[in-house]
Amino acid sequence: MTNPDAVSRRQGTPAPPSPVGLREALRFWLKLGFIGFGGPAGQIAIMHQELVERRRWISERRFLHALNYCMLLPGPEAQQLATYLGWLMHRTWGGILAGALFVLPSLFILIALSWVYIAFGHVALVAGLFYGIKPAVTAIVLHAAHRIGTRALKNRVLWAIASAAFVAIFALGLPFPLIVAGAALAGVVGGRLAPRYFRTGGGHGAATASFGPALIDDDTPPAAHVRFRWSGLLRVAVAGALLWLAPMAALNAVFGWEHTLTQMGWFFTKAALLTFGGAYAVLPYVYQGAVQHYGWLTPAQMIDGLALGETTPGPLIMVVAFVGFVGGYVQALLGPQAQFLAGALAACLVTWFTFLPSFLFILAGGPLVEATHNDLKFTAPLTAITAAVVGVVLNLALFFGYHVLWPQGFGGAFDWAAALIALAAATALFRFGRGVMEVIAVCALLGLALRYAGA
């Protein structure tokens, strides 16, 4: 009897990967939680490199289809993509654990850094490390835009959509939800008039030739748990309602509706439903509420929190953990002897209310999305949205570059040291293909050395 793996090797085609157990998958999701620098673009690029190209757990087309859905949702798309892929591979608990492990390292790191920040007032060591990390993050986001663009922009029509999205957000300042709606409309019309330009992933043959057969391939039959059932949707909806109502009711019963912890839960629930387009789309809302309306922290503290969020692994929206910690710590919500405990409790609470909707969107909508991955009338709008996101990510890279290279604005001095670090990081990524973690580590040490040398 012929061994199919041996035949595959003789023919030069990689053999399909072996089945992946939940424990092995959880080790990867935990690792991703610690190395997920570079914002959503960098995190998605890491997932694509690891899961599609190297490990071949999922095919290019299925990966992009899941990504397109996550781009449509409010909330952090990279964390939602991890949840979706974990659910696809290992059912509901696989999705919950994948999404949770993506967030928990960032939460614990931010609690620790927030405590150092607020308790000691200044952190020269951390400031020096951040000085090198910020230019590296700029290069990482630019590199991620390039990687996503090379996968998603398969023809001149998709290039045109990406260019229009960039102009819309960079030059015209249009809100991201409007750009998404315009791209979706272009996909609906284009899918009918010129369907060949809107087929996801460039065709099965191209994906197979690039990376080989995947564990979850384009033609893999759907598992039982990914099939849509009304009973399953109802269970998720009821569970989600209880998971929101129980802690909110407990906060209201113990502290009252006007208490800071209760108001944090309510405020960040609303914020979670407004995060279309990533964290930067909702940061003005968070600033307005947390700083101006509630006074949980000062404007300067909010800016420092954003710097912490940008340079720690995990979703940028994890800056809400910093907001919660500072608000709980400074107001001594549990008494003057338990300031750290109050801050940590507030950080965990706002994280819960911020991310709970993301899990519900994936577990409720995943079966519907999986039923459409070969239906052009559904995939064409999502393909167009992915093209538009390339333009938006490029704008994000320019946004980072502006704030890193001209820290006082164009009227201030150009930061040549930061520019050299950014150039070195870009060279390492584009020319030598170095890993994100290596680049972050080396640039952090460069920044620390330059700060201590008086640069």
Protein backbone atom coordinates (compact mmCIF):
# COMPACT_ATOMS: atom_id res chain seq x y z
CA MET A 1 0.00 0.00 0.00
CA THR A 2 1.36 3.43 -0.95
CA ASN A 3 2.15 5.91 1.81
CA PRO A 4 0.50 9.25 0.87
CA ASP A 5 3.08 11.23 2.85
CA ALA A 6 5.90 9.58 0.94
CA VAL A 7 4.16 10.28 -2.36
CA SER A 8 3.70 13.92 -1.32
CA ARG A 9 7.40 14.23 -0.52
CA ARG A 10 8.44 12.61 -3.81
CA GLN A 11 6.17 14.97 -5.74
CA GLY A 12 7.51 18.01 -3.86
CA THR A 13 4.17 18.78 -2.18
CA PRO A 14 4.17 19.13 1.63
CA ALA A 15 2.16 16.51 3.51
CA PRO A 16 -0.93 17.72 5.38
CA PRO A 17 -0.10 18.68 8.99
CA SER A 18 -0.94 16.33 11.82
CA PRO A 19 -4.07 17.03 13.92
CA VAL A 20 -3.50 19.65 16.60
CA GLY A 21 -4.60 18.98 20.18
CA LEU A 22 -6.10 21.66 22.42
CA ARG A 23 -3.02 21.73 24.67
CA GLU A 24 -0.68 22.42 21.74
CA ALA A 25 -3.01 25.14 20.46
CA LEU A 26 -3.20 26.78 23.89
CA ARG A 27 0.59 26.95 24.07
CA PHE A 28 0.56 28.92 20.82
CA TRP A 29 -2.20 31.30 21.96
CA LEU A 30 -0.35 31.98 25.21
CA LYS A 31 2.87 32.65 23.30
CA LEU A 32 0.96 35.02 21.01
CA GLY A 33 -0.32 36.89 24.05
CA PHE A 34 3.28 37.65 25.06
CA ILE A 35 4.69 38.48 21.60
CA GLY A 36 1.69 40.27 20.06
CA PHE A 37 3.38 43.64 19.60
CA GLY A 38 2.66 46.07 16.77
CA GLY A 39 -1.06 46.57 17.24
CA PRO A 40 -3.70 44.62 15.30
CA ALA A 41 -1.77 44.76 12.04
CA GLY A 42 1.33 43.24 13.62
CA GLN A 43 -0.67 40.66 15.56
CA ILE A 44 -2.61 39.56 12.47
CA ALA A 45 0.65 39.33 10.54
CA ILE A 46 2.12 37.07 13.25
CA MET A 47 -0.97 34.83 13.17
CA HIS A 48 -0.82 34.57 9.39
CA GLN A 49 2.88 33.76 9.40
CA GLU A 50 2.52 31.12 12.13
CA LEU A 51 -0.86 29.53 11.39
CA VAL A 52 -1.11 29.80 7.59
CA GLU A 53 2.48 29.79 6.36
CA ARG A 54 4.49 27.81 8.89
CA ARG A 55 2.16 25.49 10.84
CA ARG A 56 -0.58 25.25 8.14
CA TRP A 57 -3.38 24.93 10.67
CA ILE A 58 -5.73 26.88 8.38
CA SER A 59 -5.70 27.77 4.69
CA GLU A 60 -5.09 31.26 3.33
CA ARG A 61 -8.66 31.61 2.08
CA ARG A 62 -10.30 30.45 5.31
CA PHE A 63 -7.99 32.74 7.32
CA LEU A 64 -8.89 35.78 5.21
CA HIS A 65 -12.58 34.94 5.35
CA ALA A 66 -12.46 34.88 9.16
CA LEU A 67 -10.41 38.09 9.20
CA ASN A 68 -12.91 39.87 6.95
CA TYR A 69 -15.73 39.07 9.40
CA CYS A 70 -13.70 40.29 12.37
CA MET A 71 -12.96 43.54 10.54
CA LEU A 72 -16.70 44.21 10.38
CA LEU A 73 -17.24 43.89 14.12
CA PRO A 74 -16.80 46.43 16.89
CA GLY A 75 -13.92 45.44 19.10
CA PRO A 76 -10.28 44.39 18.69
CA GLU A 77 -10.13 42.44 15.43
CA ALA A 78 -6.89 40.55 16.23
CA GLN A 79 -8.29 39.21 19.50
CA GLN A 80 -11.53 38.31 17.75
CA LEU A 81 -9.59 36.53 15.01
CA ALA A 82 -7.73 34.47 17.63
CA THR A 83 -11.08 33.62 19.24
CA TYR A 84 -12.57 32.67 15.86
CA LEU A 85 -9.65 30.41 14.91
CA GLY A 86 -9.60 28.80 18.35
CA TRP A 87 -13.34 28.12 18.06
CA LEU A 88 -12.95 26.77 14.54
CA MET A 89 -10.32 24.28 15.67
CA HIS A 90 -11.51 23.30 19.16
CA ARG A 91 -15.14 24.30 19.59
CA THR A 92 -16.46 26.86 22.11
CA TRP A 93 -13.87 26.34 24.83
CA GLY A 94 -11.10 26.51 22.26
CA GLY A 95 -12.34 29.93 21.17
CA ILE A 96 -12.82 31.23 24.71
CA LEU A 97 -9.36 30.10 25.82
CA ALA A 98 -7.65 31.42 22.66
CA GLY A 99 -9.24 34.85 23.08
CA ALA A 100 -8.56 34.95 26.82
CA LEU A 101 -4.90 33.95 26.50
CA PHE A 102 -4.50 36.67 23.87
CA VAL A 103 -5.58 39.28 26.45
CA LEU A 104 -4.43 38.05 29.88
CA PRO A 105 -0.65 38.60 29.49
CA SER A 106 -1.31 42.19 28.43
CA LEU A 107 -3.68 42.72 31.37
CA PHE A 108 -1.15 41.48 33.94
CA ILE A 109 1.72 43.44 32.36
CA LEU A 110 -0.35 46.63 32.28
CA ILE A 111 -1.44 46.22 35.89
CA ALA A 112 2.22 45.92 36.91
CA LEU A 113 3.38 48.85 34.76
CA SER A 114 0.42 50.99 35.83
CA TRP A 115 1.29 50.39 39.48
CA VAL A 116 4.94 51.36 38.90
CA TYR A 117 3.79 54.43 36.98
CA ILE A 118 1.27 55.73 39.49
CA ALA A 119 3.12 54.70 42.67
CA PHE A 120 6.57 56.03 41.78
CA GLY A 121 5.64 58.93 39.52
CA HIS A 122 8.36 58.44 36.92
CA VAL A 123 10.03 55.40 35.41
CA ALA A 124 13.30 56.31 33.71
CA LEU A 125 14.07 52.72 32.80
CA VAL A 126 10.65 52.15 31.21
CA ALA A 127 10.80 55.53 29.45
CA GLY A 128 14.13 54.59 27.89
CA LEU A 129 12.81 51.23 26.72
CA PHE A 130 9.72 52.91 25.25
CA TYR A 131 11.90 55.41 23.41
CA GLY A 132 13.32 52.55 21.36
CA ILE A 133 10.12 50.53 21.08
CA LYS A 134 7.99 53.31 19.58
CA PRO A 135 10.05 53.64 16.35
CA ALA A 136 10.13 49.84 16.11
CA VAL A 137 6.33 49.72 16.35
CA THR A 138 6.12 52.21 13.48
CA ALA A 139 8.25 49.93 11.31
CA ILE A 140 6.28 46.84 12.38
CA VAL A 141 2.95 48.39 11.42
CA LEU A 142 4.36 49.51 8.06
CA HIS A 143 5.71 46.01 7.46
CA ALA A 144 2.35 44.50 8.42
CA ALA A 145 0.57 46.81 5.96
CA HIS A 146 2.92 45.52 3.27
CA ARG A 147 2.30 41.88 4.20
CA ILE A 148 -1.49 42.24 4.32
CA GLY A 149 -1.44 44.25 1.10
CA THR A 150 0.52 41.64 -0.82
CA ARG A 151 -2.05 39.02 0.21
CA ALA A 152 -5.23 41.05 -0.18
CA LEU A 153 -4.58 43.36 -3.15
CA LYS A 154 -4.69 40.84 -5.98
CA ASN A 155 -5.80 43.16 -8.78
CA ARG A 156 -6.16 46.81 -9.79
CA VAL A 157 -9.73 47.10 -8.49
CA LEU A 158 -8.70 46.11 -4.95
CA TRP A 159 -5.69 48.43 -5.22
CA ALA A 160 -8.08 51.25 -6.13
CA ILE A 161 -10.28 50.51 -3.11
CA ALA A 162 -7.23 50.52 -0.81
CA SER A 163 -6.02 53.81 -2.29
CA ALA A 164 -9.45 55.40 -1.93
CA ALA A 165 -9.64 54.28 1.71
CA PHE A 166 -6.23 55.81 2.42
CA VAL A 167 -7.22 59.13 0.86
CA ALA A 168 -10.56 59.07 2.70
CA ILE A 169 -9.02 58.65 6.14
CA PHE A 170 -5.72 60.52 5.64
CA ALA A 171 -6.78 63.51 3.56
CA LEU A 172 -10.52 63.77 4.17
CA GLY A 173 -10.67 62.56 7.76
CA LEU A 174 -13.71 60.35 7.13
CA PRO A 175 -14.71 58.03 9.99
CA PHE A 176 -13.75 54.39 9.66
CA PRO A 177 -17.34 53.04 9.78
CA LEU A 178 -18.15 55.18 6.74
CA ILE A 179 -15.10 53.81 4.91
CA VAL A 180 -16.17 50.25 5.78
CA ALA A 181 -19.69 50.92 4.51
CA GLY A 182 -18.34 52.39 1.27
CA ALA A 183 -16.02 49.42 0.71
CA ALA A 184 -18.83 46.95 1.44
CA LEU A 185 -21.06 48.72 -1.08
CA ALA A 186 -18.26 48.58 -3.65
CA GLY A 187 -17.98 44.85 -2.97
CA VAL A 188 -21.72 44.27 -3.37
CA VAL A 189 -21.80 46.13 -6.71
CA GLY A 190 -18.46 44.77 -7.90
CA GLY A 191 -19.35 41.21 -6.96
CA ARG A 192 -22.30 41.41 -9.33
CA LEU A 193 -20.72 43.37 -12.18
CA ALA A 194 -17.13 42.05 -12.11
CA PRO A 195 -17.01 39.00 -9.79
CA ARG A 196 -13.53 37.91 -10.90
CA TYR A 197 -12.01 40.89 -9.04
CA PHE A 198 -13.60 40.00 -5.71
CA ARG A 199 -12.77 36.33 -5.17
CA THR A 200 -11.05 35.86 -1.81
CA GLY A 201 -7.48 34.66 -1.56
CA GLY A 202 -6.61 34.56 -5.23
CA GLY A 203 -7.94 31.05 -5.79
CA HIS A 204 -7.35 27.70 -4.17
CA GLY A 205 -4.47 26.78 -6.41
CA ALA A 206 -2.48 29.84 -5.50
CA ALA A 207 -2.91 29.29 -1.81
CA THR A 208 -1.99 25.61 -2.03
CA ALA A 209 1.09 26.29 -4.13
CA SER A 210 2.29 28.90 -1.65
CA PHE A 211 1.94 27.05 1.65
CA GLY A 212 0.75 23.50 1.03
CA PRO A 213 -2.37 21.70 2.29
CA ALA A 214 -3.76 22.94 5.60
CA LEU A 215 -5.38 21.17 8.51
CA ILE A 216 -8.51 23.26 7.88
CA ASP A 217 -8.30 23.66 4.11
CA ASP A 218 -10.53 25.36 1.57
CA ASP A 219 -12.47 22.17 0.93
CA THR A 220 -12.44 20.72 4.47
CA PRO A 221 -16.02 19.66 5.36
CA PRO A 222 -17.49 21.77 8.19
CA ALA A 223 -17.33 20.17 11.61
CA ALA A 224 -20.55 19.67 13.53
CA HIS A 225 -19.94 22.59 15.89
CA VAL A 226 -19.54 25.16 13.08
CA ARG A 227 -22.95 24.44 11.52
CA PHE A 228 -25.54 27.12 12.26
CA ARG A 229 -28.39 26.19 14.60
CA TRP A 230 -30.97 28.51 16.10
CA SER A 231 -30.68 26.66 19.40
CA GLY A 232 -26.93 27.36 19.47
CA LEU A 233 -27.48 31.06 18.76
CA LEU A 234 -30.05 31.23 21.58
CA ARG A 235 -27.66 29.56 24.05
CA VAL A 236 -24.90 32.04 23.25
CA ALA A 237 -27.29 35.00 23.57
CA VAL A 238 -28.64 33.84 26.95
CA ALA A 239 -25.16 33.07 28.29
CA GLY A 240 -23.88 36.46 27.14
CA ALA A 241 -26.77 38.30 28.77
CA LEU A 242 -26.16 36.50 32.07
CA LEU A 243 -22.40 37.10 31.95
CA TRP A 244 -23.06 40.83 31.58
CA LEU A 245 -26.02 41.13 33.95
CA ALA A 246 -24.55 39.15 36.86
CA PRO A 247 -21.46 41.32 37.52
CA MET A 248 -23.36 44.54 36.71
CA ALA A 249 -26.13 43.62 39.13
CA ALA A 250 -23.57 42.67 41.79
CA LEU A 251 -21.76 46.00 41.42
CA ASN A 252 -25.03 47.89 41.64
CA ALA A 253 -26.14 45.92 44.72
CA VAL A 254 -22.86 46.27 46.60
CA PHE A 255 -21.75 49.79 45.62
CA GLY A 256 -24.76 51.49 44.01
CA TRP A 257 -25.29 52.76 40.47
CA GLU A 258 -23.30 55.99 40.91
CA HIS A 259 -20.20 54.28 42.29
CA THR A 260 -17.05 54.48 40.17
CA LEU A 261 -16.77 50.72 39.62
CA THR A 262 -20.39 50.45 38.47
CA GLN A 263 -20.02 53.43 36.16
CA MET A 264 -16.81 51.97 34.74
CA GLY A 265 -18.67 48.76 33.88
CA TRP A 266 -21.46 50.66 32.15
CA PHE A 267 -19.16 53.13 30.36
CA PHE A 268 -16.82 50.46 28.96
CA THR A 269 -19.73 48.32 27.83
CA LYS A 270 -20.79 51.24 25.64
CA ALA A 271 -17.20 51.80 24.52
CA ALA A 272 -16.91 48.15 23.48
CA LEU A 273 -19.83 48.57 21.09
CA LEU A 274 -18.27 51.66 19.46
CA THR A 275 -14.83 50.31 18.59
CA PHE A 276 -15.39 49.97 14.85
CA GLY A 277 -12.05 50.44 13.15
CA GLY A 278 -9.89 49.48 16.08
CA ALA A 279 -8.79 51.21 19.24
CA TYR A 280 -7.94 54.57 17.69
CA ALA A 281 -11.55 54.98 16.57
CA VAL A 282 -12.80 54.77 20.17
CA LEU A 283 -9.96 56.53 22.01
CA PRO A 284 -11.59 59.98 21.65
CA TYR A 285 -14.74 58.56 23.27
CA VAL A 286 -12.70 57.00 26.10
CA TYR A 287 -10.79 60.26 26.58
CA GLN A 288 -13.98 62.30 26.69
CA GLY A 289 -15.59 60.01 29.25
CA ALA A 290 -12.70 58.93 31.46
CA VAL A 291 -10.88 62.29 31.55
CA GLN A 292 -13.42 65.03 30.92
CA HIS A 293 -16.68 63.60 32.24
CA TYR A 294 -15.73 61.24 35.08
CA GLY A 295 -12.26 62.60 35.92
CA TRP A 296 -10.81 59.16 36.55
CA LEU A 297 -7.39 60.35 35.32
CA THR A 298 -5.72 63.48 33.92
CA PRO A 299 -5.01 64.26 30.24
CA ALA A 300 -1.28 63.69 30.79
CA GLN A 301 -1.98 60.32 32.41
CA MET A 302 -4.18 59.34 29.46
CA ILE A 303 -1.35 60.06 27.02
CA ASP A 304 1.10 58.06 29.14
CA GLY A 305 -1.42 55.21 29.25
CA LEU A 306 -1.65 55.21 25.47
CA ALA A 307 2.15 54.93 25.30
CA LEU A 308 2.00 51.94 27.65
CA GLY A 309 -0.76 50.35 25.55
CA GLU A 310 1.16 50.89 22.31
CA THR A 311 4.31 49.24 23.60
CA THR A 312 2.98 46.21 25.45
CA PRO A 313 1.75 43.01 23.80
CA GLY A 314 -1.93 42.53 23.17
CA PRO A 315 -4.67 44.76 21.75
CA LEU A 316 -4.16 48.52 21.96
CA ILE A 317 -7.63 48.85 23.47
CA MET A 318 -6.04 47.33 26.58
CA VAL A 319 -5.27 50.95 27.45
CA VAL A 320 -8.66 50.67 29.20
CA ALA A 321 -6.93 48.54 31.85
CA PHE A 322 -4.60 51.46 32.56
CA VAL A 323 -7.59 53.81 32.79
CA GLY A 324 -9.33 51.47 35.21
CA PHE A 325 -6.24 50.91 37.34
CA VAL A 326 -5.40 54.60 37.69
CA GLY A 327 -9.02 55.50 38.43
CA GLY A 328 -9.37 52.78 41.07
CA TYR A 329 -5.95 53.46 42.64
CA VAL A 330 -6.13 57.26 42.83
CA GLN A 331 -9.68 57.29 44.19
CA ALA A 332 -8.78 54.56 46.74
CA LEU A 333 -12.07 52.82 46.04
CA LEU A 334 -11.41 50.10 48.63
CA GLY A 335 -9.78 52.35 51.22
CA PRO A 336 -6.31 53.93 51.59
CA GLN A 337 -4.71 50.63 52.63
CA ALA A 338 -5.86 48.74 49.53
CA GLN A 339 -5.06 51.08 46.66
CA PHE A 340 -3.30 48.44 44.56
CA LEU A 341 -6.16 45.99 45.07
CA ALA A 342 -8.67 48.68 44.03
CA GLY A 343 -6.68 49.48 40.91
CA ALA A 344 -6.26 45.83 39.95
CA LEU A 345 -9.98 45.13 40.53
CA ALA A 346 -10.98 48.11 38.38
CA ALA A 347 -8.56 47.06 35.61
CA CYS A 348 -10.01 43.53 35.57
CA LEU A 349 -13.59 44.82 35.59
CA VAL A 350 -13.14 47.19 32.65
CA THR A 351 -11.32 44.44 30.73
CA TRP A 352 -14.25 42.08 31.32
CA PHE A 353 -16.87 44.55 30.12
CA THR A 354 -14.73 45.65 27.16
CA PHE A 355 -14.03 42.18 25.78
CA LEU A 356 -17.21 40.25 26.63
CA PRO A 357 -19.04 41.48 23.48
CA SER A 358 -16.14 40.33 21.29
CA PHE A 359 -16.49 36.72 22.45
CA LEU A 360 -20.25 36.83 21.93
CA PHE A 361 -19.96 38.22 18.39
CA ILE A 362 -17.63 35.37 17.40
CA LEU A 363 -19.46 32.50 19.08
CA ALA A 364 -22.85 33.73 17.83
CA GLY A 365 -21.81 34.80 14.33
CA GLY A 366 -19.13 32.22 13.53
CA PRO A 367 -21.53 29.51 12.28
CA LEU A 368 -23.25 32.00 9.98
CA VAL A 369 -19.90 33.16 8.59
CA GLU A 370 -18.65 29.61 8.01
CA ALA A 371 -21.78 28.92 5.96
CA THR A 372 -20.82 31.69 3.52
CA HIS A 373 -17.13 31.05 2.79
CA ASN A 374 -17.84 29.87 -0.77
CA ASP A 375 -20.72 32.30 -1.49
CA LEU A 376 -19.51 35.27 -3.53
CA LYS A 377 -22.40 37.53 -2.62
CA PHE A 378 -21.18 37.39 0.98
CA THR A 379 -17.43 37.22 0.35
CA ALA A 380 -17.21 40.05 -2.21
CA PRO A 381 -18.10 42.82 0.29
CA LEU A 382 -15.70 41.32 2.84
CA THR A 383 -12.90 41.16 0.27
CA ALA A 384 -13.45 44.83 -0.54
CA ILE A 385 -13.37 45.69 3.18
CA THR A 386 -10.03 43.90 3.57
CA ALA A 387 -8.64 45.99 0.70
CA ALA A 388 -9.87 49.17 2.39
CA VAL A 389 -8.26 48.12 5.67
CA VAL A 390 -4.86 48.03 3.93
CA GLY A 391 -5.19 51.75 3.27
CA VAL A 392 -6.29 52.39 6.85
CA VAL A 393 -3.33 50.44 8.28
CA LEU A 394 -0.95 52.46 6.10
CA ASN A 395 -2.49 55.60 7.57
CA LEU A 396 -1.92 54.19 11.06
CA ALA A 397 1.77 53.65 10.24
CA LEU A 398 2.04 57.30 9.15
CA PHE A 399 0.22 58.37 12.33
CA PHE A 400 2.77 56.50 14.44
CA GLY A 401 5.65 57.88 12.38
CA TYR A 402 4.49 61.46 12.81
CA HIS A 403 4.21 61.22 16.60
CA VAL A 404 7.50 59.35 16.94
CA LEU A 405 9.66 61.45 14.61
CA TRP A 406 8.10 64.84 15.48
CA PRO A 407 7.16 64.39 19.16
CA GLN A 408 6.36 68.14 19.49
CA GLY A 409 4.62 68.34 16.11
CA PHE A 410 5.98 69.58 12.79
CA GLY A 411 6.88 72.87 14.45
CA GLY A 412 9.26 71.06 16.79
CA ALA A 413 12.57 69.32 16.23
CA PHE A 414 12.93 66.17 14.15
CA ASP A 415 14.04 63.21 16.30
CA TRP A 416 16.98 61.82 14.34
CA ALA A 417 17.76 59.11 16.88
CA ALA A 418 14.20 57.75 16.67
CA ALA A 419 14.39 57.92 12.87
CA LEU A 420 17.56 55.82 12.86
CA ILE A 421 15.96 53.23 15.15
CA ALA A 422 12.89 53.09 12.88
CA LEU A 423 15.13 52.68 9.81
CA ALA A 424 17.08 49.90 11.50
CA ALA A 425 13.86 48.14 12.49
CA ALA A 426 12.44 48.44 8.96
CA THR A 427 15.68 47.07 7.47
CA ALA A 428 15.61 44.12 9.85
CA LEU A 429 11.99 43.35 8.94
CA PHE A 430 11.95 44.00 5.20
CA ARG A 431 15.51 43.10 4.19
CA PHE A 432 16.51 40.37 6.63
CA GLY A 433 13.12 38.96 7.65
CA ARG A 434 13.82 39.12 11.37
CA GLY A 435 11.05 38.32 13.84
CA VAL A 436 8.94 40.95 15.57
CA MET A 437 10.13 39.94 19.05
CA GLU A 438 13.80 40.25 18.05
CA VAL A 439 13.23 43.70 16.56
CA ILE A 440 11.30 44.90 19.61
CA ALA A 441 13.99 43.65 22.02
CA VAL A 442 16.96 45.14 20.14
CA CYS A 443 15.23 48.48 19.59
CA ALA A 444 14.23 48.67 23.27
CA LEU A 445 17.88 48.24 24.28
CA LEU A 446 18.95 50.85 21.71
CA GLY A 447 16.43 53.30 23.10
CA LEU A 448 17.58 52.66 26.64
CA ALA A 449 21.22 53.18 25.68
CA LEU A 450 20.45 56.42 23.83
CA ARG A 451 18.41 57.82 26.70
CA TYR A 452 21.13 57.08 29.23
CA ALA A 453 23.72 58.57 26.86
CA GLY A 454 21.71 61.79 26.80
CA ALA A 455 20.34 61.50 23.25
